[in-house]
């Protein structure tokens, strides 16, 4: 056995094991995530020759998905209605019956149950409009809307980099220790001076 490499290898091995066991550390990182928030889940009665609008402020680019239903308030049977989604500028145009209204989503005399989806690209108030102006029948409408968007969240994660380095150091320590133990001892010949 050669003492220096054997004990040196054992020391390296111990250091590597300590680093592998205690090297993991918790760090906070920015992690992308997707969230879905409910915007609306309600039922409303709309008078004949009128409209009703649900307004929602959406402050980030989002994928908006919705379901709606419409029935006659008198009979409870499926009925029809006009449905639009408008941003704030176009909603004001539509209310004032101005030309050039840009509809984000538009259904004319849609009946019973229907679905819609859209992507909002700007920070604005969006109007989900049930238009019953053309009808002489009260309608009961249901509206469910969700918004799905991407966010960056701060999240604590465990970083194992130093643990992996510790495993590699321990492997080197094993090699050096085995070398030191397996090798025959080094014999040092002493030289005597010719004058002694």
Protein backbone atom coordinates (compact mmCIF):
# COMPACT_ATOMS: atom_id res chain seq x y z
CA UNK A 1 0.00 0.00 0.00
CA UNK A 2 1.15 3.48 -0.78
CA UNK A 3 0.03 5.74 2.01
CA UNK A 4 -0.10 9.09 0.25
CA UNK A 5 -2.39 8.09 -2.65
CA UNK A 6 -4.44 5.75 -0.42
CA UNK A 7 -5.20 8.40 2.23
CA UNK A 8 -5.46 11.15 -0.40
CA UNK A 9 -7.99 9.06 -2.35
CA UNK A 10 -10.00 8.40 0.83
CA UNK A 11 -10.04 12.14 1.57
CA UNK A 12 -11.21 12.89 -1.98
CA UNK A 13 -13.86 10.15 -1.67
CA UNK A 14 -15.19 11.60 1.61
CA UNK A 15 -15.26 15.12 0.14
CA UNK A 16 -17.14 13.81 -2.92
CA UNK A 17 -19.68 11.96 -0.77
CA UNK A 18 -20.28 15.08 1.36
CA UNK A 19 -20.75 17.17 -1.78
CA UNK A 20 -23.10 14.58 -3.30
CA UNK A 21 -25.22 14.36 -0.13
CA UNK A 22 -25.32 18.05 0.78
CA UNK A 23 -24.76 19.68 -2.63
CA UNK A 24 -28.43 19.93 -3.65
CA UNK A 25 -29.72 23.45 -3.15
CA UNK A 26 -33.07 25.13 -3.58
CA UNK A 27 -33.06 28.04 -6.00
CA UNK A 28 -35.86 30.32 -7.22
CA UNK A 29 -36.29 30.39 -11.00
CA UNK A 30 -38.67 31.95 -13.50
CA UNK A 31 -40.87 29.14 -14.82
CA UNK A 32 -43.46 29.53 -17.61
CA UNK A 33 -46.98 28.42 -16.64
CA UNK A 34 -50.46 28.46 -18.17
CA UNK A 35 -53.44 29.63 -16.14
CA UNK A 36 -57.17 29.45 -16.80
CA UNK A 37 -59.46 31.85 -14.96
CA UNK A 38 -63.26 31.95 -15.02
CA UNK A 39 -64.63 35.23 -16.37
CA UNK A 40 -68.37 34.60 -16.31
CA UNK A 41 -70.87 31.94 -15.25
CA UNK A 42 -74.34 33.46 -15.14
CA UNK A 43 -77.92 33.41 -16.37
CA UNK A 44 -79.82 36.59 -17.29
CA UNK A 45 -83.24 37.50 -18.65
CA UNK A 46 -83.21 39.95 -21.57
CA UNK A 47 -86.26 42.04 -22.38
CA UNK A 48 -87.71 42.09 -25.86
CA UNK A 49 -86.45 44.88 -28.16
CA UNK A 50 -83.32 45.37 -26.02
CA UNK A 51 -79.84 43.99 -25.45
CA UNK A 52 -77.66 42.87 -22.54
CA UNK A 53 -73.87 42.98 -22.35
CA UNK A 54 -71.44 41.29 -20.00
CA UNK A 55 -68.26 43.38 -19.81
CA UNK A 56 -64.86 42.05 -18.76
CA UNK A 57 -61.48 43.78 -18.52
CA UNK A 58 -58.80 41.50 -19.98
CA UNK A 59 -55.30 42.84 -19.35
CA UNK A 60 -53.06 40.36 -21.17
CA UNK A 61 -53.04 38.33 -24.38
CA UNK A 62 -55.47 35.49 -23.70
CA UNK A 63 -57.36 32.66 -25.32
CA UNK A 64 -61.02 33.17 -24.42
CA UNK A 65 -63.47 30.28 -24.70
CA UNK A 66 -67.16 30.42 -23.98
CA UNK A 67 -70.48 28.62 -24.09
CA UNK A 68 -73.89 30.22 -24.27
CA UNK A 69 -77.49 29.13 -24.32
CA UNK A 70 -80.74 30.91 -25.16
CA UNK A 71 -84.38 30.06 -24.51
CA UNK A 72 -87.72 31.80 -24.53
CA UNK A 73 -88.55 33.13 -21.04
CA UNK A 74 -92.28 32.44 -21.64
CA UNK A 75 -92.09 28.85 -22.87
CA UNK A 76 -88.69 27.64 -21.61
CA UNK A 77 -88.03 26.21 -25.08
CA UNK A 78 -84.85 26.88 -27.07
CA UNK A 79 -84.93 30.20 -28.88
CA UNK A 80 -82.58 32.39 -30.92
CA UNK A 81 -80.65 35.63 -30.41
CA UNK A 82 -77.84 37.68 -31.94
CA UNK A 83 -74.53 37.38 -30.10
CA UNK A 84 -71.40 39.51 -30.54
CA UNK A 85 -68.04 39.99 -28.87
CA UNK A 86 -66.66 43.52 -29.25
CA UNK A 87 -63.79 45.57 -27.89
CA UNK A 88 -64.61 48.89 -26.19
CA UNK A 89 -64.22 51.09 -29.31
CA UNK A 90 -66.42 48.89 -31.48
CA UNK A 91 -68.98 48.43 -28.71
CA UNK A 92 -69.52 52.21 -28.62
CA UNK A 93 -69.86 52.24 -32.42
CA UNK A 94 -72.39 49.40 -32.26
CA UNK A 95 -74.47 51.11 -29.54
CA UNK A 96 -74.61 54.31 -31.59
CA UNK A 97 -75.43 52.34 -34.76
CA UNK A 98 -72.36 53.66 -36.55
CA UNK A 99 -70.99 51.91 -39.64
CA UNK A 100 -67.68 50.04 -39.73
CA UNK A 101 -68.10 47.93 -36.57
CA UNK A 102 -65.40 45.25 -36.35
CA UNK A 103 -66.80 42.19 -34.57
CA UNK A 104 -64.36 39.91 -32.79
CA UNK A 105 -67.02 37.20 -32.85
CA UNK A 106 -70.50 37.38 -34.42
CA UNK A 107 -73.50 35.03 -34.49
CA UNK A 108 -76.79 36.07 -36.11
CA UNK A 109 -80.00 34.46 -34.79
CA UNK A 110 -78.03 31.68 -33.18
CA UNK A 111 -80.32 29.14 -31.49
CA UNK A 112 -80.32 26.98 -28.36
CA UNK A 113 -76.69 26.30 -27.31
CA UNK A 114 -73.49 27.45 -28.97
CA UNK A 115 -69.75 27.82 -28.33
CA UNK A 116 -67.28 30.53 -29.27
CA UNK A 117 -63.58 31.28 -28.85
CA UNK A 118 -61.28 34.16 -29.61
CA UNK A 119 -57.84 35.53 -28.84
CA UNK A 120 -57.46 38.92 -27.18
CA UNK A 121 -54.27 40.69 -28.15
CA UNK A 122 -54.57 43.94 -26.22
CA UNK A 123 -55.44 45.28 -22.80
CA UNK A 124 -59.11 46.32 -23.16
CA UNK A 125 -62.66 45.85 -21.93
CA UNK A 126 -64.41 43.17 -23.96
CA UNK A 127 -68.20 43.13 -24.33
CA UNK A 128 -70.16 39.88 -24.70
CA UNK A 129 -73.41 41.19 -26.20
CA UNK A 130 -76.76 39.42 -26.43
CA UNK A 131 -78.80 41.47 -28.93
CA UNK A 132 -82.57 40.90 -28.68
CA UNK A 133 -83.62 44.11 -30.53
CA UNK A 134 -85.24 42.22 -33.39
CA UNK A 135 -87.46 40.06 -31.13
CA UNK A 136 -90.75 40.64 -29.32
CA UNK A 137 -90.06 37.75 -26.93
CA UNK A 138 -88.11 37.88 -23.66
CA UNK A 139 -85.10 35.55 -23.66
CA UNK A 140 -83.20 33.84 -20.88
CA UNK A 141 -79.53 33.45 -21.72
CA UNK A 142 -76.71 31.58 -20.01
CA UNK A 143 -73.07 32.54 -20.41
CA UNK A 144 -69.89 30.74 -19.34
CA UNK A 145 -66.52 32.25 -20.26
CA UNK A 146 -62.93 31.36 -19.32
CA UNK A 147 -59.62 33.05 -20.09
CA UNK A 148 -56.40 31.06 -20.61
CA UNK A 149 -53.06 32.87 -20.62
CA UNK A 150 -49.33 32.34 -20.11
CA UNK A 151 -47.46 33.74 -17.13
CA UNK A 152 -43.94 33.58 -15.74
CA UNK A 153 -43.94 32.42 -12.12
CA UNK A 154 -41.22 32.40 -9.52
CA UNK A 155 -40.84 28.80 -8.45
CA UNK A 156 -38.50 27.07 -6.00
CA UNK A 157 -36.68 24.18 -7.66
CA UNK A 158 -33.92 21.89 -6.40
CA UNK A 159 -30.61 22.24 -8.27
CA UNK A 160 -28.56 19.01 -8.15
CA UNK A 161 -25.51 20.35 -10.03
CA UNK A 162 -23.16 20.19 -7.01
CA UNK A 163 -24.48 16.73 -6.09
CA UNK A 164 -23.52 15.45 -9.55
CA UNK A 165 -20.09 17.06 -9.20
CA UNK A 166 -19.78 15.33 -5.81
CA UNK A 167 -20.49 11.94 -7.38
CA UNK A 168 -17.76 12.54 -9.98
CA UNK A 169 -15.30 13.65 -7.27
CA UNK A 170 -16.15 10.54 -5.21
CA UNK A 171 -15.48 8.33 -8.24
CA UNK A 172 -12.04 9.95 -8.68
CA UNK A 173 -11.40 9.42 -4.95
CA UNK A 174 -12.24 5.71 -5.27
CA UNK A 175 -9.81 5.31 -8.19
CA UNK A 176 -7.00 7.11 -6.34
CA UNK A 177 -7.64 5.17 -3.08
CA UNK A 178 -7.74 1.80 -4.89
CA UNK A 179 -4.52 2.69 -6.67
CA UNK A 180 -2.86 3.62 -3.36
CA UNK A 181 -4.06 0.45 -1.61
CA UNK A 182 -3.29 -1.94 -4.49
CA UNK A 183 0.21 -0.73 -5.26
CA UNK A 184 3.09 -2.27 -3.36
CA UNK A 185 4.83 0.07 -0.97
CA UNK A 186 7.58 2.17 -2.42
CA UNK A 187 10.96 1.21 -1.01
CA UNK A 188 13.25 4.12 -0.45
CA UNK A 189 16.88 3.15 -0.41
CA UNK A 190 18.94 5.24 1.81
CA UNK A 191 22.37 6.24 0.65
CA UNK A 192 25.17 6.43 3.04
CA UNK A 193 27.78 8.91 2.52
CA UNK A 194 31.18 7.57 1.63
CA UNK A 195 32.53 9.71 4.38
CA UNK A 196 30.52 8.23 7.15
